[in-house]
Amino acid sequence: MVPHDLRYHKEHEWVRVEGGKGIVGITDYAQKALGDIVYIGLPDVGREVKAGQEVTEIESTKATSVIYTPVGGRIVEVNQEASDSPELINDDPYGEGWIFAVELSDPTDLDHLMDAQQYEAYIQGLK
C-alpha cells in the first residue's frame, strides 16, 4: 500500500512534510526491488541539496542504488538507527526506516512530485 500523506519522486523516494521539514525515505516498491538492505550511507548534516540531486547510496544483497532527494534545502537530520540497522528500511520503509530530513528551501518542489494515486499508477506502468 502507498501512504496517501506522502509525495513521491520518480526514483522511488518519498517525502513527508512536517512543518518546514521534509522527512525522506525510499518506498516499499524500492525496498522490495532491492531485497535485503545491508548498508545505507547517511548524508552530511548541514549539506545543501537541490531537488532531484543524488544524496547518498543504499546497498542490498542484490545491488547498490543511488538515493535522490525529492526536495531541496539543507539536510538537518539523519537516521543513525537506520544506518546501524539497515533492515529497518525493509521492515518499515514509511516509518522507522526514514533516511534523512531536509529543511525545505522551496516548498514548490513538492508541486513536481507525485501524489499516492499518481505514484501507484507509475509503479503499475513499470511492471
C-alpha atoms as a PDB file:
ATOM      1  CA  MET A   1       0.000   0.000   0.000  1.00  0.00           C
ATOM      2  CA  VAL A   2       1.145   3.525  -0.817  1.00  0.00           C
ATOM      3  CA  PRO A   3       0.518   6.027   2.015  1.00  0.00           C
ATOM      4  CA  HIS A   4      -1.624   8.950   0.916  1.00  0.00           C
ATOM      5  CA  ASP A   5       0.005  11.595   3.135  1.00  0.00           C
ATOM      6  CA  LEU A   6       3.330  11.500   1.252  1.00  0.00           C
ATOM      7  CA  ARG A   7       4.680  12.833  -2.036  1.00  0.00           C
ATOM      8  CA  TYR A   8       6.732  10.616  -4.346  1.00  0.00           C
ATOM      9  CA  HIS A   9       9.751  11.044  -6.637  1.00  0.00           C
ATOM     10  CA  LYS A  10      10.128   9.023  -9.841  1.00  0.00           C
ATOM     11  CA  GLU A  11      13.241   7.365  -8.421  1.00  0.00           C
ATOM     12  CA  HIS A  12      11.101   5.856  -5.610  1.00  0.00           C
ATOM     13  CA  GLU A  13      11.865   8.222  -2.752  1.00  0.00           C
ATOM     14  CA  TRP A  14       9.072   9.667  -0.622  1.00  0.00           C
ATOM     15  CA  VAL A  15       8.813  12.845   1.425  1.00  0.00           C
ATOM     16  CA  ARG A  16       6.596  13.598   4.399  1.00  0.00           C
ATOM     17  CA  VAL A  17       6.311  17.301   5.219  1.00  0.00           C
ATOM     18  CA  GLU A  18       6.241  18.209   8.912  1.00  0.00           C
ATOM     19  CA  GLY A  19       6.236  21.971   9.319  1.00  0.00           C
ATOM     20  CA  GLY A  20       9.079  23.304   7.173  1.00  0.00           C
ATOM     21  CA  LYS A  21      10.928  19.986   7.194  1.00  0.00           C
ATOM     22  CA  GLY A  22      10.734  17.112   4.737  1.00  0.00           C
ATOM     23  CA  ILE A  23      11.401  13.592   6.050  1.00  0.00           C
ATOM     24  CA  VAL A  24      12.773  11.403   3.225  1.00  0.00           C
ATOM     25  CA  GLY A  25      12.932   7.650   2.693  1.00  0.00           C
ATOM     26  CA  ILE A  26      12.530   5.033  -0.020  1.00  0.00           C
ATOM     27  CA  THR A  27       9.241   3.457  -0.982  1.00  0.00           C
ATOM     28  CA  ASP A  28       8.059  -0.064  -0.263  1.00  0.00           C
ATOM     29  CA  TYR A  29       8.346  -0.738  -4.007  1.00  0.00           C
ATOM     30  CA  ALA A  30      12.031   0.261  -3.904  1.00  0.00           C
ATOM     31  CA  GLN A  31      12.915  -1.781  -0.836  1.00  0.00           C
ATOM     32  CA  LYS A  32      11.223  -4.861  -2.323  1.00  0.00           C
ATOM     33  CA  ALA A  33      13.148  -4.394  -5.588  1.00  0.00           C
ATOM     34  CA  LEU A  34      16.414  -4.042  -3.671  1.00  0.00           C
ATOM     35  CA  GLY A  35      15.907  -7.059  -1.442  1.00  0.00           C
ATOM     36  CA  ASP A  36      17.707  -7.317   1.894  1.00  0.00           C
ATOM     37  CA  ILE A  37      19.314  -3.949   2.611  1.00  0.00           C
ATOM     38  CA  VAL A  38      22.751  -4.281   4.205  1.00  0.00           C
ATOM     39  CA  TYR A  39      24.054  -0.678   4.195  1.00  0.00           C
ATOM     40  CA  ILE A  40      22.729   2.860   3.987  1.00  0.00           C
ATOM     41  CA  GLY A  41      25.065   5.810   3.669  1.00  0.00           C
ATOM     42  CA  LEU A  42      23.940   8.901   5.529  1.00  0.00           C
ATOM     43  CA  PRO A  43      24.446  12.354   4.031  1.00  0.00           C
ATOM     44  CA  ASP A  44      26.224  15.080   5.984  1.00  0.00           C
ATOM     45  CA  VAL A  45      24.032  17.224   8.215  1.00  0.00           C
ATOM     46  CA  GLY A  46      24.257  20.832   7.036  1.00  0.00           C
ATOM     47  CA  ARG A  47      24.717  19.895   3.367  1.00  0.00           C
ATOM     48  CA  GLU A  48      22.725  21.987   0.901  1.00  0.00           C
ATOM     49  CA  VAL A  49      20.904  19.887  -1.708  1.00  0.00           C
ATOM     50  CA  LYS A  50      18.719  20.562  -4.735  1.00  0.00           C
ATOM     51  CA  ALA A  51      15.576  18.622  -5.610  1.00  0.00           C
ATOM     52  CA  GLY A  52      16.450  15.556  -7.666  1.00  0.00           C
ATOM     53  CA  GLN A  53      20.109  15.554  -6.601  1.00  0.00           C
ATOM     54  CA  GLU A  54      21.979  12.373  -5.674  1.00  0.00           C
ATOM     55  CA  VAL A  55      22.451  12.420  -1.905  1.00  0.00           C
ATOM     56  CA  THR A  56      23.735   9.009  -0.815  1.00  0.00           C
ATOM     57  CA  GLU A  57      23.756   5.304  -1.625  1.00  0.00           C
ATOM     58  CA  ILE A  58      21.999   2.235  -0.345  1.00  0.00           C
ATOM     59  CA  GLU A  59      23.326  -1.301  -0.720  1.00  0.00           C
ATOM     60  CA  SER A  60      21.437  -4.559  -0.730  1.00  0.00           C
ATOM     61  CA  THR A  61      22.342  -8.164  -1.338  1.00  0.00           C
ATOM     62  CA  LYS A  62      21.362  -7.514  -4.979  1.00  0.00           C
ATOM     63  CA  ALA A  63      22.739  -4.067  -5.880  1.00  0.00           C
ATOM     64  CA  THR A  64      23.926  -0.623  -4.896  1.00  0.00           C
ATOM     65  CA  SER A  65      21.477   2.179  -5.678  1.00  0.00           C
ATOM     66  CA  VAL A  66      21.564   5.947  -5.502  1.00  0.00           C
ATOM     67  CA  ILE A  67      19.228   7.828  -3.158  1.00  0.00           C
ATOM     68  CA  TYR A  68      17.954  11.150  -4.504  1.00  0.00           C
ATOM     69  CA  THR A  69      16.372  13.947  -2.566  1.00  0.00           C
ATOM     70  CA  PRO A  70      12.850  14.758  -3.779  1.00  0.00           C
ATOM     71  CA  VAL A  71      13.086  18.289  -2.311  1.00  0.00           C
ATOM     72  CA  GLY A  72      15.802  20.885  -1.969  1.00  0.00           C
ATOM     73  CA  GLY A  73      17.149  22.525   1.153  1.00  0.00           C
ATOM     74  CA  ARG A  74      19.594  21.886   3.968  1.00  0.00           C
ATOM     75  CA  ILE A  75      19.939  18.428   5.498  1.00  0.00           C
ATOM     76  CA  VAL A  76      19.101  18.890   9.162  1.00  0.00           C
ATOM     77  CA  GLU A  77      18.858  15.330  10.469  1.00  0.00           C
ATOM     78  CA  VAL A  78      19.851  11.760   9.557  1.00  0.00           C
ATOM     79  CA  ASN A  79      18.528   8.448  10.825  1.00  0.00           C
ATOM     80  CA  GLN A  80      21.503   6.855  12.565  1.00  0.00           C
ATOM     81  CA  GLU A  81      19.287   3.995  13.718  1.00  0.00           C
ATOM     82  CA  ALA A  82      18.587   3.027  10.080  1.00  0.00           C
ATOM     83  CA  SER A  83      22.297   3.199   9.344  1.00  0.00           C
ATOM     84  CA  ASP A  84      23.095   0.951  12.308  1.00  0.00           C
ATOM     85  CA  SER A  85      20.227  -1.446  11.468  1.00  0.00           C
ATOM     86  CA  PRO A  86      19.549  -1.128   7.706  1.00  0.00           C
ATOM     87  CA  GLU A  87      16.892  -3.854   7.883  1.00  0.00           C
ATOM     88  CA  LEU A  88      14.621  -1.147   9.343  1.00  0.00           C
ATOM     89  CA  ILE A  89      14.244   0.140   5.791  1.00  0.00           C
ATOM     90  CA  ASN A  90      12.952  -3.263   4.667  1.00  0.00           C
ATOM     91  CA  ASP A  91      10.754  -3.687   7.735  1.00  0.00           C
ATOM     92  CA  ASP A  92       9.240  -0.188   7.940  1.00  0.00           C
ATOM     93  CA  PRO A  93      10.126   1.935   4.880  1.00  0.00           C
ATOM     94  CA  TYR A  94       7.496   4.601   5.625  1.00  0.00           C
ATOM     95  CA  GLY A  95       8.175   4.843   9.364  1.00  0.00           C
ATOM     96  CA  GLU A  96      11.292   3.905  11.328  1.00  0.00           C
ATOM     97  CA  GLY A  97      13.178   3.344   8.045  1.00  0.00           C
ATOM     98  CA  TRP A  98      13.349   7.013   7.029  1.00  0.00           C
ATOM     99  CA  ILE A  99      16.804   8.162   5.898  1.00  0.00           C
ATOM    100  CA  PHE A 100      17.225  11.933   6.275  1.00  0.00           C
ATOM    101  CA  ALA A 101      15.365  15.182   6.850  1.00  0.00           C
ATOM    102  CA  VAL A 102      15.646  18.396   4.829  1.00  0.00           C
ATOM    103  CA  GLU A 103      14.745  21.918   5.878  1.00  0.00           C
ATOM    104  CA  LEU A 104      12.784  22.923   2.773  1.00  0.00           C
ATOM    105  CA  SER A 105      14.226  25.833   0.822  1.00  0.00           C
ATOM    106  CA  ASP A 106      11.439  25.930  -1.778  1.00  0.00           C
ATOM    107  CA  PRO A 107       8.071  24.366  -0.879  1.00  0.00           C
ATOM    108  CA  THR A 108       7.077  24.464  -4.567  1.00  0.00           C
ATOM    109  CA  ASP A 109       9.432  21.481  -5.064  1.00  0.00           C
ATOM    110  CA  LEU A 110       6.501  19.447  -3.749  1.00  0.00           C
ATOM    111  CA  ASP A 111       4.411  20.509  -6.758  1.00  0.00           C
ATOM    112  CA  HIS A 112       6.714  18.474  -9.015  1.00  0.00           C
ATOM    113  CA  LEU A 113       6.235  15.228  -7.095  1.00  0.00           C
ATOM    114  CA  MET A 114       3.549  12.574  -7.472  1.00  0.00           C
ATOM    115  CA  ASP A 115       0.730  12.053  -5.022  1.00  0.00           C
ATOM    116  CA  ALA A 116      -0.124   8.498  -3.916  1.00  0.00           C
ATOM    117  CA  GLN A 117      -2.574   7.858  -6.759  1.00  0.00           C
ATOM    118  CA  GLN A 118      -0.102   9.062  -9.387  1.00  0.00           C
ATOM    119  CA  TYR A 119       2.714   7.013  -7.842  1.00  0.00           C
ATOM    120  CA  GLU A 120       0.580   3.859  -7.774  1.00  0.00           C
ATOM    121  CA  ALA A 121      -0.178   4.334 -11.474  1.00  0.00           C
ATOM    122  CA  TYR A 122       3.519   4.999 -12.131  1.00  0.00           C
ATOM    123  CA  ILE A 123       4.697   1.754 -10.494  1.00  0.00           C
ATOM    124  CA  GLN A 124       1.922  -0.230 -12.223  1.00  0.00           C
ATOM    125  CA  GLY A 125       3.373   1.019 -15.507  1.00  0.00           C
ATOM    126  CA  LEU A 126       6.806  -0.358 -14.550  1.00  0.00           C
ATOM    127  CA  LYS A 127       5.578  -3.936 -14.105  1.00  0.00           C
END
